[in-house]
């Protein structure tokens, strides 16, 4: 997680240039390489044993392992504000809420976010009715994209799924924020869409608009592009 000097987690809500950062991690998780336009790539050996420091994620306090001054200087240059990079320590034991509890690192809430292509297709049809160009899937930053479901928002009702070696449990609907208005290719804010259109048909009972679904990891493993998504159990949508 990228944090301020005080340890407060940065997100695209206030730092949309985070969209330009492209990280890759080697198979063992020991080395991180990060790319961004206009700067030399950062190649970093991940520290999992260093001193812990206080960090904050959306107002909640956790601990993090600072990844050093080289990483801090790189992110400060890219974002234009003093920043540091921290890693979740091995003893991190955060438990997320929702219908299926799970564990998570520094994400807003649950470990995984799922969106189907049918869901995006419906939104883009409604955008077209307003004369608005279609949006790409990356505007919603899902971890898993499902193809082959004909009905939009089928992911709302897929309460337990198996993909590859993994098993995932439905936690809750994803309530969307202003980050959906950030163009992921440029790091520029491009509102008011899609929130304006989503407000017309995806208002959630607790407030905000719901788009996509958050899942907890019930069984870890490997999943790959092209794997079949097997729905083990279905349920009602909470919308």
Protein backbone atom coordinates (compact mmCIF):
# COMPACT_ATOMS: atom_id res chain seq x y z
CA UNK A 1 0.00 0.00 0.00
CA UNK A 2 1.15 3.53 -0.78
CA UNK A 3 0.79 5.78 2.26
CA UNK A 4 1.43 9.37 3.27
CA UNK A 5 4.36 10.18 5.53
CA UNK A 6 1.89 9.82 8.42
CA UNK A 7 0.94 6.30 7.29
CA UNK A 8 -2.50 7.09 5.86
CA UNK A 9 -3.29 4.90 2.85
CA UNK A 10 -3.49 6.65 -0.49
CA UNK A 11 -6.22 5.79 -3.00
CA UNK A 12 -7.31 7.09 -6.37
CA UNK A 13 -10.02 9.11 -4.62
CA UNK A 14 -7.44 11.80 -3.82
CA UNK A 15 -4.45 10.55 -5.81
CA UNK A 16 -5.80 9.52 -9.22
CA UNK A 17 -2.27 9.19 -10.63
CA UNK A 18 -2.08 5.87 -8.77
CA UNK A 19 -3.96 4.54 -11.80
CA UNK A 20 -0.74 4.90 -13.81
CA UNK A 21 1.24 2.57 -11.54
CA UNK A 22 1.64 -0.96 -12.93
CA UNK A 23 3.06 -3.49 -10.44
CA UNK A 24 4.21 -7.05 -11.08
CA UNK A 25 5.28 -9.56 -8.44
CA UNK A 26 7.49 -12.59 -9.06
CA UNK A 27 6.13 -16.08 -8.37
CA UNK A 28 7.57 -16.25 -4.90
CA UNK A 29 6.43 -12.78 -3.91
CA UNK A 30 10.00 -11.80 -3.06
CA UNK A 31 10.48 -9.12 -5.71
CA UNK A 32 8.26 -6.25 -6.81
CA UNK A 33 8.67 -4.36 -10.08
CA UNK A 34 6.63 -1.18 -10.61
CA UNK A 35 6.26 0.82 -13.82
CA UNK A 36 4.84 4.29 -14.44
CA UNK A 37 5.08 6.67 -17.44
CA UNK A 38 8.09 8.96 -17.59
CA UNK A 39 10.17 7.33 -14.84
CA UNK A 40 12.55 4.41 -14.63
CA UNK A 41 10.96 1.25 -13.28
CA UNK A 42 11.32 0.49 -9.57
CA UNK A 43 12.77 -2.97 -8.89
CA UNK A 44 12.49 -3.86 -5.22
CA UNK A 45 13.26 -6.85 -3.04
CA UNK A 46 10.26 -7.07 -0.73
CA UNK A 47 11.01 -6.69 2.97
CA UNK A 48 8.86 -8.98 5.15
CA UNK A 49 10.89 -8.73 8.35
CA UNK A 50 11.55 -5.02 8.91
CA UNK A 51 10.26 -2.75 11.63
CA UNK A 52 6.50 -2.32 11.84
CA UNK A 53 4.87 1.09 11.65
CA UNK A 54 1.34 2.35 12.14
CA UNK A 55 -0.78 2.62 8.99
CA UNK A 56 -4.38 3.59 8.41
CA UNK A 57 -6.89 2.18 5.90
CA UNK A 58 -10.13 4.17 5.62
CA UNK A 59 -9.92 5.26 9.23
CA UNK A 60 -8.92 1.86 10.66
CA UNK A 61 -5.50 1.26 12.22
CA UNK A 62 -3.19 -1.57 11.12
CA UNK A 63 0.54 -2.25 10.95
CA UNK A 64 2.82 -2.21 7.93
CA UNK A 65 6.45 -2.91 7.01
CA UNK A 66 8.06 0.13 5.38
CA UNK A 67 9.84 -0.75 2.11
CA UNK A 68 12.57 1.87 2.37
CA UNK A 69 13.63 5.21 0.99
CA UNK A 70 14.19 4.10 -2.62
CA UNK A 71 10.54 3.04 -2.93
CA UNK A 72 9.42 6.16 -1.07
CA UNK A 73 11.34 8.44 -3.45
CA UNK A 74 9.90 6.63 -6.49
CA UNK A 75 6.27 6.98 -5.42
CA UNK A 76 6.84 10.56 -4.30
CA UNK A 77 8.09 11.42 -7.79
CA UNK A 78 5.22 9.65 -9.55
CA UNK A 79 2.43 11.05 -7.36
CA UNK A 80 3.92 14.48 -6.68
CA UNK A 81 3.26 14.23 -2.93
CA UNK A 82 5.43 12.72 -0.14
CA UNK A 83 4.68 8.99 -0.10
CA UNK A 84 5.99 5.70 1.22
CA UNK A 85 5.35 2.05 0.42
CA UNK A 86 4.37 -0.51 3.05
CA UNK A 87 3.72 -4.25 2.98
CA UNK A 88 1.28 -6.30 5.04
CA UNK A 89 3.22 -8.07 7.81
CA UNK A 90 2.96 -11.88 8.05
CA UNK A 91 0.99 -11.60 11.32
CA UNK A 92 -1.71 -9.40 9.70
CA UNK A 93 -5.05 -10.91 10.80
CA UNK A 94 -7.73 -8.60 9.44
CA UNK A 95 -11.18 -10.20 9.09
CA UNK A 96 -13.72 -8.68 6.68
CA UNK A 97 -17.47 -8.42 7.09
CA UNK A 98 -20.36 -9.45 4.88
CA UNK A 99 -22.44 -12.58 4.40
CA UNK A 100 -19.24 -14.65 4.14
CA UNK A 101 -16.43 -13.37 6.40
CA UNK A 102 -12.91 -13.57 5.04
CA UNK A 103 -9.43 -12.15 5.32
CA UNK A 104 -7.97 -9.20 3.46
CA UNK A 105 -4.79 -7.17 3.30
CA UNK A 106 -5.20 -3.42 2.65
CA UNK A 107 -8.16 -3.53 0.25
CA UNK A 108 -11.20 -1.37 1.03
CA UNK A 109 -12.90 -4.49 2.36
CA UNK A 110 -12.96 -7.97 0.81
CA UNK A 111 -10.11 -9.70 -0.97
CA UNK A 112 -11.75 -10.13 -4.39
CA UNK A 113 -14.07 -8.11 -6.62
CA UNK A 114 -16.00 -9.84 -9.43
CA UNK A 115 -17.83 -8.26 -12.40
CA UNK A 116 -19.39 -10.01 -15.40
CA UNK A 117 -19.21 -8.78 -18.99
CA UNK A 118 -23.02 -8.87 -19.12
CA UNK A 119 -23.12 -6.37 -16.26
CA UNK A 120 -20.81 -3.99 -18.11
CA UNK A 121 -22.82 -4.52 -21.30
CA UNK A 122 -26.01 -3.34 -19.60
CA UNK A 123 -24.31 -0.22 -18.26
CA UNK A 124 -22.87 0.64 -21.65
CA UNK A 125 -26.29 0.28 -23.27
CA UNK A 126 -27.72 2.72 -20.74
CA UNK A 127 -24.78 5.09 -21.32
CA UNK A 128 -25.45 4.93 -25.07
CA UNK A 129 -29.05 6.01 -24.44
CA UNK A 130 -27.59 9.18 -22.90
CA UNK A 131 -25.19 9.68 -25.78
CA UNK A 132 -22.21 8.72 -23.59
CA UNK A 133 -19.36 6.57 -25.00
CA UNK A 134 -18.94 3.05 -23.55
CA UNK A 135 -16.62 2.48 -20.61
CA UNK A 136 -13.94 -0.22 -20.45
CA UNK A 137 -13.98 -2.89 -17.75
CA UNK A 138 -10.86 -1.47 -16.11
CA UNK A 139 -12.86 1.55 -14.93
CA UNK A 140 -14.21 -0.80 -12.20
CA UNK A 141 -10.89 -2.56 -11.44
CA UNK A 142 -12.25 -6.10 -10.88
CA UNK A 143 -9.96 -8.96 -9.89
CA UNK A 144 -12.07 -11.47 -11.83
CA UNK A 145 -14.11 -10.86 -15.00
CA UNK A 146 -16.71 -13.49 -15.89
CA UNK A 147 -17.86 -14.07 -19.47
CA UNK A 148 -20.73 -16.30 -20.57
CA UNK A 149 -23.50 -15.18 -18.19
CA UNK A 150 -26.38 -13.78 -20.27
CA UNK A 151 -28.14 -11.99 -17.41
CA UNK A 152 -26.51 -8.78 -16.09
CA UNK A 153 -25.58 -8.81 -12.38
CA UNK A 154 -25.63 -12.60 -12.18
CA UNK A 155 -22.63 -12.22 -9.85
CA UNK A 156 -25.03 -10.75 -7.26
CA UNK A 157 -26.71 -14.17 -6.96
CA UNK A 158 -23.68 -16.50 -7.26
CA UNK A 159 -23.14 -17.06 -3.55
CA UNK A 160 -20.45 -19.71 -3.75
CA UNK A 161 -18.22 -20.30 -6.76
CA UNK A 162 -15.25 -22.44 -7.69
CA UNK A 163 -12.62 -21.21 -10.14
CA UNK A 164 -9.48 -23.25 -10.77
CA UNK A 165 -8.31 -24.56 -7.39
CA UNK A 166 -10.09 -21.80 -5.47
CA UNK A 167 -13.45 -21.51 -3.77
CA UNK A 168 -15.02 -18.11 -3.13
CA UNK A 169 -17.97 -17.05 -0.98
CA UNK A 170 -20.28 -14.10 -1.61
CA UNK A 171 -19.69 -11.32 0.92
CA UNK A 172 -21.63 -8.27 -0.28
CA UNK A 173 -22.38 -5.94 -3.15
CA UNK A 174 -19.67 -3.46 -4.11
CA UNK A 175 -20.79 0.10 -3.33
CA UNK A 176 -19.03 2.35 -5.80
CA UNK A 177 -17.18 5.58 -5.13
CA UNK A 178 -15.62 8.41 -7.12
CA UNK A 179 -12.72 6.19 -8.24
CA UNK A 180 -15.04 4.87 -10.99
CA UNK A 181 -14.77 8.33 -12.54
CA UNK A 182 -10.98 8.06 -12.94
CA UNK A 183 -9.76 7.19 -16.44
CA UNK A 184 -7.40 4.31 -15.73
CA UNK A 185 -5.24 4.88 -18.79
CA UNK A 186 -4.45 8.51 -18.00
CA UNK A 187 -5.02 8.92 -14.26
CA UNK A 188 -7.38 11.81 -14.96
CA UNK A 189 -10.82 12.34 -13.42
CA UNK A 190 -13.55 12.06 -16.05
CA UNK A 191 -16.87 12.29 -14.15
CA UNK A 192 -19.81 12.33 -13.68
CA UNK A 193 -20.13 8.94 -15.35
CA UNK A 194 -20.68 6.15 -14.55
CA UNK A 195 -22.13 7.18 -11.17
CA UNK A 196 -24.82 9.39 -12.70
CA UNK A 197 -26.21 6.58 -14.86
CA UNK A 198 -25.82 3.91 -12.17
CA UNK A 199 -27.85 6.06 -9.79
CA UNK A 200 -30.80 5.59 -12.14
CA UNK A 201 -31.02 1.81 -11.73
CA UNK A 202 -28.54 0.46 -9.13
CA UNK A 203 -29.28 2.36 -5.90
CA UNK A 204 -28.54 0.27 -2.82
CA UNK A 205 -30.78 0.19 0.24
CA UNK A 206 -27.95 1.35 2.52
CA UNK A 207 -27.11 4.22 0.17
CA UNK A 208 -24.84 4.67 -2.83
CA UNK A 209 -24.85 2.64 -6.02
CA UNK A 210 -23.95 -1.06 -6.25
CA UNK A 211 -21.96 -2.50 -9.12
CA UNK A 212 -20.14 -5.83 -8.98
CA UNK A 213 -19.75 -8.20 -6.06
CA UNK A 214 -17.16 -8.75 -3.33
CA UNK A 215 -16.07 -12.26 -2.37
CA UNK A 216 -14.18 -13.86 0.48
CA UNK A 217 -11.61 -16.58 -0.21
CA UNK A 218 -12.79 -19.90 1.24
CA UNK A 219 -10.03 -22.00 -0.31
CA UNK A 220 -6.80 -20.62 -1.71
CA UNK A 221 -5.25 -21.89 -4.92
CA UNK A 222 -4.48 -20.92 -8.49
CA UNK A 223 -6.91 -19.48 -11.01
CA UNK A 224 -6.11 -18.49 -14.57
CA UNK A 225 -7.61 -16.65 -17.51
CA UNK A 226 -9.96 -19.08 -19.27
CA UNK A 227 -10.88 -21.13 -16.18
CA UNK A 228 -14.51 -22.19 -15.87
CA UNK A 229 -16.54 -20.50 -13.15
CA UNK A 230 -18.65 -23.16 -11.41
CA UNK A 231 -21.49 -21.82 -9.26
CA UNK A 232 -21.88 -24.15 -6.27
CA UNK A 233 -24.84 -22.32 -4.71
CA UNK A 234 -27.17 -19.51 -5.73
CA UNK A 235 -28.96 -16.94 -3.59
CA UNK A 236 -31.07 -13.81 -3.87
CA UNK A 237 -29.66 -10.43 -4.76
CA UNK A 238 -29.43 -7.94 -1.90
CA UNK A 239 -30.28 -4.98 -4.14
